[in-house]
C-alpha atoms as a PDB file:
ATOM      1  CA  MET A   1      18.804 -16.024  -5.953  1.00  0.00           C
ATOM      2  CA  GLY A   2      16.150 -13.188  -5.733  1.00  0.00           C
ATOM      3  CA  LEU A   3      13.073 -12.561  -8.009  1.00  0.00           C
ATOM      4  CA  PRO A   4      12.738 -12.699 -11.318  1.00  0.00           C
ATOM      5  CA  ALA A   5      14.004  -9.714 -13.724  1.00  0.00           C
ATOM      6  CA  ASP A   6      10.781  -9.576 -15.415  1.00  0.00           C
ATOM      7  CA  LEU A   7       8.561  -9.756 -12.286  1.00  0.00           C
ATOM      8  CA  LEU A   8      10.672  -7.177 -10.603  1.00  0.00           C
ATOM      9  CA  GLU A   9      10.239  -4.645 -13.758  1.00  0.00           C
ATOM     10  CA  ALA A  10       6.361  -5.160 -13.689  1.00  0.00           C
ATOM     11  CA  PHE A  11       6.302  -4.513  -9.972  1.00  0.00           C
ATOM     12  CA  GLU A  12       7.864  -1.084 -10.405  1.00  0.00           C
ATOM     13  CA  ALA A  13       5.098  -0.621 -13.244  1.00  0.00           C
ATOM     14  CA  PHE A  14       2.211  -1.884 -11.062  1.00  0.00           C
ATOM     15  CA  CYS A  15       3.185   0.452  -8.061  1.00  0.00           C
ATOM     16  CA  ARG A  16       2.763   3.585 -10.407  1.00  0.00           C
ATOM     17  CA  VAL A  17      -0.682   2.827 -10.759  1.00  0.00           C
ATOM     18  CA  PRO A  18      -2.818   5.334  -8.822  1.00  0.00           C
ATOM     19  CA  GLU A  19      -5.408   2.581  -7.848  1.00  0.00           C
ATOM     20  CA  VAL A  20      -4.168  -1.080  -7.290  1.00  0.00           C
ATOM     21  CA  LEU A  21      -5.467  -4.250  -5.638  1.00  0.00           C
ATOM     22  CA  VAL A  22      -2.887  -7.144  -4.249  1.00  0.00           C
ATOM     23  CA  ALA A  23      -4.411 -10.330  -3.543  1.00  0.00           C
ATOM     24  CA  SER A  24      -3.059 -13.627  -2.793  1.00  0.00           C
ATOM     25  CA  ASP A  25      -4.613 -17.434  -2.252  1.00  0.00           C
ATOM     26  CA  PHE A  26      -3.513 -18.691   1.160  1.00  0.00           C
ATOM     27  CA  ASP A  27      -2.549 -22.354   1.069  1.00  0.00           C
ATOM     28  CA  GLY A  28       0.498 -23.240  -0.749  1.00  0.00           C
ATOM     29  CA  VAL A  29       0.883 -19.416  -1.577  1.00  0.00           C
ATOM     30  CA  LEU A  30       0.848 -17.441   2.053  1.00  0.00           C
ATOM     31  CA  ALA A  31       0.980 -20.763   4.042  1.00  0.00           C
ATOM     32  CA  PRO A  32       3.066 -24.001   2.609  1.00  0.00           C
ATOM     33  CA  PHE A  33       1.191 -26.913   3.089  1.00  0.00           C
ATOM     34  CA  VAL A  34       0.882 -29.268   6.242  1.00  0.00           C
ATOM     35  CA  ALA A  35      -0.410 -32.215   7.103  1.00  0.00           C
ATOM     36  CA  ASP A  36      -3.334 -31.183   9.078  1.00  0.00           C
ATOM     37  CA  PRO A  37      -4.879 -28.416   7.128  1.00  0.00           C
ATOM     38  CA  MET A  38      -6.002 -26.760  10.422  1.00  0.00           C
ATOM     39  CA  GLN A  39      -2.502 -26.143  11.386  1.00  0.00           C
ATOM     40  CA  ALA A  40      -1.262 -23.962   8.264  1.00  0.00           C
ATOM     41  CA  ARG A  41      -0.150 -20.792   9.094  1.00  0.00           C
ATOM     42  CA  ALA A  42       0.943 -17.851   6.580  1.00  0.00           C
ATOM     43  CA  LEU A  43       5.015 -17.489   6.280  1.00  0.00           C
ATOM     44  CA  ASP A  44       6.081 -14.440   9.068  1.00  0.00           C
ATOM     45  CA  GLY A  45       5.423 -10.876   7.381  1.00  0.00           C
ATOM     46  CA  THR A  46       3.176 -12.162   4.922  1.00  0.00           C
ATOM     47  CA  LEU A  47      -0.088 -11.145   5.992  1.00  0.00           C
ATOM     48  CA  GLU A  48       2.021  -8.288   7.607  1.00  0.00           C
ATOM     49  CA  ASP A  49       3.072  -7.030   4.136  1.00  0.00           C
ATOM     50  CA  LEU A  50      -0.618  -7.214   2.705  1.00  0.00           C
ATOM     51  CA  THR A  51      -1.766  -5.312   5.972  1.00  0.00           C
ATOM     52  CA  ALA A  52       0.793  -2.428   5.613  1.00  0.00           C
ATOM     53  CA  LEU A  53       0.013  -2.215   1.648  1.00  0.00           C
ATOM     54  CA  ALA A  54      -3.277  -1.788   2.996  1.00  0.00           C
ATOM     55  CA  ASP A  55      -2.645   0.922   5.035  1.00  0.00           C
ATOM     56  CA  LEU A  56      -0.685   2.916   1.707  1.00  0.00           C
ATOM     57  CA  PRO A  57      -3.354   5.040   0.094  1.00  0.00           C
ATOM     58  CA  ARG A  58      -4.986   3.570  -2.814  1.00  0.00           C
ATOM     59  CA  THR A  59      -4.266   0.380  -2.356  1.00  0.00           C
ATOM     60  CA  HIS A  60      -6.418  -2.919  -1.427  1.00  0.00           C
ATOM     61  CA  THR A  61      -5.326  -6.199  -0.396  1.00  0.00           C
ATOM     62  CA  ALA A  62      -7.171  -9.561   0.042  1.00  0.00           C
ATOM     63  CA  VAL A  63      -6.938 -13.337   0.686  1.00  0.00           C
ATOM     64  CA  VAL A  64      -8.702 -15.167  -1.665  1.00  0.00           C
ATOM     65  CA  SER A  65      -8.949 -18.942  -0.750  1.00  0.00           C
ATOM     66  CA  GLY A  66     -11.425 -21.745  -0.865  1.00  0.00           C
ATOM     67  CA  ARG A  67     -11.577 -22.135   2.544  1.00  0.00           C
ATOM     68  CA  ASP A  68     -14.609 -21.527   4.749  1.00  0.00           C
ATOM     69  CA  LEU A  69     -14.599 -17.889   5.795  1.00  0.00           C
ATOM     70  CA  ASP A  70     -14.620 -18.128   9.401  1.00  0.00           C
ATOM     71  CA  VAL A  71     -11.534 -20.644   8.912  1.00  0.00           C
ATOM     72  CA  LEU A  72      -9.800 -18.196   6.840  1.00  0.00           C
ATOM     73  CA  THR A  73     -10.376 -15.586   9.422  1.00  0.00           C
ATOM     74  CA  THR A  74      -9.141 -17.989  11.944  1.00  0.00           C
ATOM     75  CA  LEU A  75      -6.027 -19.019  10.344  1.00  0.00           C
ATOM     76  CA  THR A  76      -5.061 -15.655   8.888  1.00  0.00           C
ATOM     77  CA  ASP A  77      -5.535 -14.335  12.500  1.00  0.00           C
ATOM     78  CA  LEU A  78      -6.685 -10.688  11.196  1.00  0.00           C
ATOM     79  CA  PRO A  79      -8.219  -8.576  13.567  1.00  0.00           C
ATOM     80  CA  ALA A  80     -11.784  -7.803  13.235  1.00  0.00           C
ATOM     81  CA  GLY A  81     -12.243  -4.587  11.089  1.00  0.00           C
ATOM     82  CA  SER A  82      -8.863  -5.373   9.222  1.00  0.00           C
ATOM     83  CA  ARG A  83      -8.532  -3.686   5.777  1.00  0.00           C
ATOM     84  CA  VAL A  84      -7.247  -6.560   4.183  1.00  0.00           C
ATOM     85  CA  THR A  85     -10.300  -8.518   2.873  1.00  0.00           C
ATOM     86  CA  ARG A  86     -10.828 -12.157   3.170  1.00  0.00           C
ATOM     87  CA  ILE A  87     -12.847 -14.078   0.755  1.00  0.00           C
ATOM     88  CA  GLY A  88     -13.591 -17.605   1.176  1.00  0.00           C
ATOM     89  CA  SER A  89     -15.517 -20.642  -0.309  1.00  0.00           C
ATOM     90  CA  HIS A  90     -13.863 -19.515  -3.810  1.00  0.00           C
ATOM     91  CA  GLY A  91     -15.672 -16.320  -3.986  1.00  0.00           C
ATOM     92  CA  ALA A  92     -18.780 -17.490  -2.450  1.00  0.00           C
ATOM     93  CA  GLN A  93     -18.235 -15.636   0.867  1.00  0.00           C
ATOM     94  CA  SER A  94     -16.593 -12.324   1.726  1.00  0.00           C
ATOM     95  CA  SER A  95     -15.754 -10.309   4.886  1.00  0.00           C
ATOM     96  CA  ARG A  96     -17.119  -7.175   3.010  1.00  0.00           C
ATOM     97  CA  ASP A  97     -20.471  -8.685   2.663  1.00  0.00           C
ATOM     98  CA  ASP A  98     -22.620  -7.758   5.385  1.00  0.00           C
ATOM     99  CA  THR A  99     -25.620  -9.356   3.526  1.00  0.00           C
ATOM    100  CA  ASP A 100     -27.422 -12.402   4.674  1.00  0.00           C
ATOM    101  CA  ASP A 101     -26.033 -15.016   2.850  1.00  0.00           C
ATOM    102  CA  ALA A 102     -28.235 -17.821   3.655  1.00  0.00           C
ATOM    103  CA  LEU A 103     -29.553 -20.612   1.607  1.00  0.00           C
ATOM    104  CA  SER A 104     -32.760 -20.889  -0.040  1.00  0.00           C
ATOM    105  CA  GLU A 105     -35.034 -23.945   1.228  1.00  0.00           C
ATOM    106  CA  ASP A 106     -34.336 -25.709  -2.152  1.00  0.00           C
ATOM    107  CA  GLN A 107     -30.902 -24.880  -1.951  1.00  0.00           C
ATOM    108  CA  SER A 108     -30.804 -26.445   1.811  1.00  0.00           C
ATOM    109  CA  ALA A 109     -32.284 -29.370   0.818  1.00  0.00           C
ATOM    110  CA  LEU A 110     -29.818 -29.913  -2.139  1.00  0.00           C
ATOM    111  CA  LEU A 111     -27.099 -29.618   0.003  1.00  0.00           C
ATOM    112  CA  GLU A 112     -28.156 -32.094   2.194  1.00  0.00           C
ATOM    113  CA  ARG A 113     -29.348 -34.465  -0.482  1.00  0.00           C
ATOM    114  CA  LEU A 114     -25.421 -34.028  -1.803  1.00  0.00           C
ATOM    115  CA  THR A 115     -24.135 -34.868   1.436  1.00  0.00           C
ATOM    116  CA  THR A 116     -26.038 -37.501   2.458  1.00  0.00           C
ATOM    117  CA  ASP A 117     -24.847 -39.267  -1.269  1.00  0.00           C
ATOM    118  CA  LEU A 118     -21.164 -38.148  -0.067  1.00  0.00           C
ATOM    119  CA  HIS A 119     -21.057 -40.120   3.088  1.00  0.00           C
ATOM    120  CA  GLY A 120     -21.433 -43.313   1.108  1.00  0.00           C
ATOM    121  CA  VAL A 121     -18.141 -42.147  -0.990  1.00  0.00           C
ATOM    122  CA  ILE A 122     -16.420 -41.975   1.988  1.00  0.00           C
ATOM    123  CA  ASP A 123     -17.627 -45.078   3.440  1.00  0.00           C
ATOM    124  CA  ARG A 124     -16.558 -46.953  -0.005  1.00  0.00           C
ATOM    125  CA  HIS A 125     -13.349 -45.075   0.265  1.00  0.00           C
ATOM    126  CA  PRO A 126     -12.123 -45.341   3.978  1.00  0.00           C
ATOM    127  CA  GLY A 127      -9.319 -42.792   4.629  1.00  0.00           C
ATOM    128  CA  VAL A 128     -10.824 -39.967   2.362  1.00  0.00           C
ATOM    129  CA  ARG A 129     -12.659 -37.213   4.325  1.00  0.00           C
ATOM    130  CA  LEU A 130     -15.104 -34.980   3.874  1.00  0.00           C
ATOM    131  CA  GLU A 131     -15.494 -30.657   5.015  1.00  0.00           C
ATOM    132  CA  PHE A 132     -18.963 -29.083   5.418  1.00  0.00           C
ATOM    133  CA  LYS A 133     -19.067 -25.560   4.574  1.00  0.00           C
ATOM    134  CA  PRO A 134     -22.188 -23.361   4.537  1.00  0.00           C
ATOM    135  CA  LYS A 135     -22.781 -23.854   0.940  1.00  0.00           C
ATOM    136  CA  ALA A 136     -20.671 -26.721   0.062  1.00  0.00           C
ATOM    137  CA  THR A 137     -19.259 -30.122   0.752  1.00  0.00           C
ATOM    138  CA  VAL A 138     -15.483 -31.070   0.203  1.00  0.00           C
ATOM    139  CA  LEU A 139     -13.940 -34.264  -0.635  1.00  0.00           C
ATOM    140  CA  HIS A 140     -10.298 -34.511   0.619  1.00  0.00           C
ATOM    141  CA  THR A 141      -7.962 -37.159  -0.567  1.00  0.00           C
ATOM    142  CA  ARG A 142      -4.611 -35.377   0.468  1.00  0.00           C
ATOM    143  CA  GLY A 143      -2.340 -37.862   2.161  1.00  0.00           C
ATOM    144  CA  GLU A 144      -4.349 -41.048   0.472  1.00  0.00           C
ATOM    145  CA  ASP A 145      -2.970 -43.651  -1.780  1.00  0.00           C
ATOM    146  CA  GLN A 146      -3.420 -42.276  -5.045  1.00  0.00           C
ATOM    147  CA  ALA A 147      -5.686 -45.446  -6.786  1.00  0.00           C
ATOM    148  CA  VAL A 148      -7.886 -44.618  -3.558  1.00  0.00           C
ATOM    149  CA  ALA A 149      -7.937 -41.143  -4.221  1.00  0.00           C
ATOM    150  CA  ASP A 150      -8.778 -41.390  -7.621  1.00  0.00           C
ATOM    151  CA  ALA A 151     -11.399 -43.848  -7.178  1.00  0.00           C
ATOM    152  CA  ALA A 152     -12.813 -41.452  -4.437  1.00  0.00           C
ATOM    153  CA  VAL A 153     -12.710 -38.602  -6.804  1.00  0.00           C
ATOM    154  CA  THR A 154     -14.449 -40.600  -9.476  1.00  0.00           C
ATOM    155  CA  SER A 155     -17.377 -41.749  -7.289  1.00  0.00           C
ATOM    156  CA  ALA A 156     -17.822 -38.398  -5.734  1.00  0.00           C
ATOM    157  CA  LEU A 157     -17.745 -36.643  -9.256  1.00  0.00           C
ATOM    158  CA  GLU A 158     -20.701 -39.348 -10.338  1.00  0.00           C
ATOM    159  CA  VAL A 159     -22.476 -38.398  -7.195  1.00  0.00           C
ATOM    160  CA  ALA A 160     -22.522 -34.616  -8.168  1.00  0.00           C
ATOM    161  CA  GLY A 161     -23.382 -35.383 -11.571  1.00  0.00           C
ATOM    162  CA  ARG A 162     -26.548 -37.043 -10.563  1.00  0.00           C
ATOM    163  CA  HIS A 163     -27.706 -33.774  -8.482  1.00  0.00           C
ATOM    164  CA  THR A 164     -28.947 -30.705 -10.558  1.00  0.00           C
ATOM    165  CA  GLY A 165     -27.575 -27.316  -9.576  1.00  0.00           C
ATOM    166  CA  VAL A 166     -24.300 -28.522  -7.869  1.00  0.00           C
ATOM    167  CA  THR A 167     -21.062 -26.605  -9.008  1.00  0.00           C
ATOM    168  CA  VAL A 168     -17.880 -28.657  -8.915  1.00  0.00           C
ATOM    169  CA  LEU A 169     -14.644 -27.141  -8.269  1.00  0.00           C
ATOM    170  CA  ARG A 170     -11.543 -29.652  -8.461  1.00  0.00           C
ATOM    171  CA  GLY A 171      -8.208 -28.496  -6.475  1.00  0.00           C
ATOM    172  CA  LYS A 172      -4.780 -30.093  -5.172  1.00  0.00           C
ATOM    173  CA  ASP A 173      -6.252 -33.095  -3.699  1.00  0.00           C
ATOM    174  CA  VAL A 174     -10.100 -31.577  -3.056  1.00  0.00           C
ATOM    175  CA  VAL A 175     -13.161 -31.601  -4.972  1.00  0.00           C
ATOM    176  CA  GLU A 176     -15.714 -29.012  -3.932  1.00  0.00           C
ATOM    177  CA  MET A 177     -19.313 -29.520  -4.774  1.00  0.00           C
ATOM    178  CA  SER A 178     -21.007 -26.239  -4.279  1.00  0.00           C
ATOM    179  CA  VAL A 179     -24.989 -25.569  -4.554  1.00  0.00           C
ATOM    180  CA  VAL A 180     -24.304 -21.967  -5.513  1.00  0.00           C
ATOM    181  CA  THR A 181     -21.674 -20.608  -8.206  1.00  0.00           C
ATOM    182  CA  ALA A 182     -18.783 -18.871  -7.443  1.00  0.00           C
ATOM    183  CA  ASP A 183     -15.137 -18.767  -8.509  1.00  0.00           C
ATOM    184  CA  LYS A 184     -12.011 -16.996  -7.633  1.00  0.00           C
ATOM    185  CA  GLY A 185     -11.666 -14.789 -10.926  1.00  0.00           C
ATOM    186  CA  THR A 186     -15.341 -13.738 -10.660  1.00  0.00           C
ATOM    187  CA  ALA A 187     -14.961 -12.730  -7.107  1.00  0.00           C
ATOM    188  CA  LEU A 188     -11.652 -10.993  -7.588  1.00  0.00           C
ATOM    189  CA  MET A 189     -12.956  -8.836 -10.688  1.00  0.00           C
ATOM    190  CA  ALA A 190     -15.892  -8.146  -8.456  1.00  0.00           C
ATOM    191  CA  LEU A 191     -13.904  -6.983  -5.568  1.00  0.00           C
ATOM    192  CA  ARG A 192     -11.475  -5.106  -8.282  1.00  0.00           C
ATOM    193  CA  ASP A 193     -14.409  -2.913  -9.503  1.00  0.00           C
ATOM    194  CA  GLU A 194     -15.970  -2.309  -5.888  1.00  0.00           C
ATOM    195  CA  VAL A 195     -12.886  -0.889  -4.829  1.00  0.00           C
ATOM    196  CA  GLY A 196     -12.180   0.993  -8.191  1.00  0.00           C
ATOM    197  CA  ALA A 197      -8.650  -0.651  -8.830  1.00  0.00           C
ATOM    198  CA  ALA A 198      -7.059  -0.050 -12.350  1.00  0.00           C
ATOM    199  CA  ALA A 199      -4.814  -2.965 -11.738  1.00  0.00           C
ATOM    200  CA  VAL A 200      -4.596  -6.235  -9.818  1.00  0.00           C
ATOM    201  CA  ALA A 201      -1.788  -8.371  -8.631  1.00  0.00           C
ATOM    202  CA  TYR A 202      -2.807 -11.993  -7.913  1.00  0.00           C
ATOM    203  CA  PHE A 203      -0.274 -15.074  -6.126  1.00  0.00           C
ATOM    204  CA  GLY A 204      -1.862 -18.446  -6.504  1.00  0.00           C
ATOM    205  CA  ASP A 205      -1.197 -22.198  -7.242  1.00  0.00           C
ATOM    206  CA  ASP A 206      -4.132 -24.217  -7.426  1.00  0.00           C
ATOM    207  CA  VAL A 207      -6.077 -24.989 -10.385  1.00  0.00           C
ATOM    208  CA  THR A 208      -8.933 -23.269  -8.416  1.00  0.00           C
ATOM    209  CA  ASP A 209      -6.645 -19.846  -9.081  1.00  0.00           C
ATOM    210  CA  GLU A 210      -6.764 -20.548 -12.678  1.00  0.00           C
ATOM    211  CA  HIS A 211     -10.002 -19.021 -12.799  1.00  0.00           C
ATOM    212  CA  ALA A 212      -8.761 -15.737 -11.560  1.00  0.00           C
ATOM    213  CA  PHE A 213      -5.423 -15.748 -14.164  1.00  0.00           C
ATOM    214  CA  GLU A 214      -8.060 -16.230 -17.108  1.00  0.00           C
ATOM    215  CA  VAL A 215      -9.740 -13.076 -16.548  1.00  0.00           C
ATOM    216  CA  MET A 216      -6.596 -10.815 -15.708  1.00  0.00           C
ATOM    217  CA  GLY A 217      -5.892  -7.946 -17.821  1.00  0.00           C
ATOM    218  CA  ASP A 218      -2.606  -6.604 -19.462  1.00  0.00           C
ATOM    219  CA  ALA A 219      -1.715  -4.310 -16.673  1.00  0.00           C
ATOM    220  CA  ASP A 220      -2.614  -7.015 -14.048  1.00  0.00           C
ATOM    221  CA  ILE A 221       0.287  -9.152 -12.617  1.00  0.00           C
ATOM    222  CA  SER A 222      -0.742 -12.724 -12.550  1.00  0.00           C
ATOM    223  CA  VAL A 223       1.752 -15.184 -10.604  1.00  0.00           C
ATOM    224  CA  LYS A 224       1.767 -18.885 -10.251  1.00  0.00           C
ATOM    225  CA  VAL A 225       3.190 -20.566  -7.651  1.00  0.00           C
ATOM    226  CA  GLY A 226       5.194 -23.602  -7.995  1.00  0.00           C
ATOM    227  CA  PRO A 227       5.032 -26.389 -11.335  1.00  0.00           C
ATOM    228  CA  GLY A 228       2.577 -27.137 -13.555  1.00  0.00           C
ATOM    229  CA  GLU A 229       0.794 -25.526 -16.562  1.00  0.00           C
ATOM    230  CA  SER A 230      -1.051 -22.136 -16.080  1.00  0.00           C
ATOM    231  CA  ALA A 231      -2.318 -18.747 -17.677  1.00  0.00           C
ATOM    232  CA  ALA A 232      -0.101 -16.827 -15.521  1.00  0.00           C
ATOM    233  CA  ARG A 233       2.360 -14.428 -16.589  1.00  0.00           C
ATOM    234  CA  TYR A 234       4.825 -14.856 -14.262  1.00  0.00           C
ATOM    235  CA  ARG A 235       6.080 -17.699 -12.058  1.00  0.00           C
ATOM    236  CA  LEU A 236       7.638 -18.056  -8.551  1.00  0.00           C
ATOM    237  CA  ASP A 237       8.559 -21.355  -7.042  1.00  0.00           C
ATOM    238  CA  SER A 238       7.260 -21.390  -3.426  1.00  0.00           C
ATOM    239  CA  PRO A 239       5.842 -19.612  -0.437  1.00  0.00           C
ATOM    240  CA  GLY A 240       9.193 -18.182   0.510  1.00  0.00           C
ATOM    241  CA  ASP A 241       9.483 -16.553  -2.988  1.00  0.00           C
ATOM    242  CA  VAL A 242       5.863 -14.995  -2.150  1.00  0.00           C
ATOM    243  CA  ALA A 243       7.143 -13.624   0.679  1.00  0.00           C
ATOM    244  CA  GLU A 244       9.776 -11.748  -0.887  1.00  0.00           C
ATOM    245  CA  ALA A 245       7.599 -10.716  -3.464  1.00  0.00           C
ATOM    246  CA  LEU A 246       5.048  -9.112  -1.165  1.00  0.00           C
ATOM    247  CA  ALA A 247       7.984  -7.491   0.852  1.00  0.00           C
ATOM    248  CA  THR A 248       9.156  -5.728  -2.583  1.00  0.00           C
ATOM    249  CA  LEU A 249       5.797  -4.668  -3.255  1.00  0.00           C
ATOM    250  CA  ARG A 250       5.213  -3.322  -0.180  1.00  0.00           C
ATOM    251  CA  ARG A 251       8.751  -1.088  -0.140  1.00  0.00           C
ATOM    252  CA  GLN A 252       8.081  -0.121  -3.693  1.00  0.00           C
ATOM    253  CA  ARG A 253       4.209   1.046  -3.330  1.00  0.00           C
ATOM    254  CA  ALA A 254       5.388   2.852   0.062  1.00  0.00           C
ATOM    255  CA  GLY A 255       7.596   4.679  -1.968  1.00  0.00           C
ATOM    256  CA  GLN A 256       5.121   5.775  -4.456  1.00  0.00           C
ATOM    257  CA  ALA A 257       3.217   7.099  -1.797  1.00  0.00           C
ATOM    258  CA  THR A 258       5.693   9.339  -0.282  1.00  0.00           C
END
């Protein structure tokens, strides 16, 4: 069927910009959803295209995810020193950041109290799961009965609300409760400023990607993958379409670089 004509036209203009950043969410965008999140893998060609783009002059790429940075690096299998930036935990972690990002004593104590209370939530709602990150605890409800999932989310939000200093991010079948403030939009704009990009193309599917879409400008390309309301300017149906889009960007950008 091919990519939408308006998106192809936007790609042509984007590839003529001297310095650009191409970034994408991982789950549901580069990688189709699977029952076991640790078995998620990017579609063939997607990470290769991001790598090839990053090797072009004045072209930068990134994978931006809610996943913990170490997990994201494992799932992408990008080599040490890859020019594809990995941003994890909704912007709280970055492969470009060599500084010590350890929590303060107060933050560590807060995360411990929060996690203890969240264990009570999963005890009351069997089947839901907790994921533990360096700066957050995440409630996962994927695959559970909707009534159980809704009740667990309500309980988790009540727990988070009792702890001052906890930031809540809700995504598809997940609620992330963090003791630091971070979101994909802030992380994407910080990376844009760091590399000096004049335009950004970003692909995302989740409600947490809306933070990125909402801060993107007129010269940028925001692409929502899948159904649902969105602030994104363009729409694709599936990760397969994203694979085609990245291959197209790679060809067009390479043509401009020659």
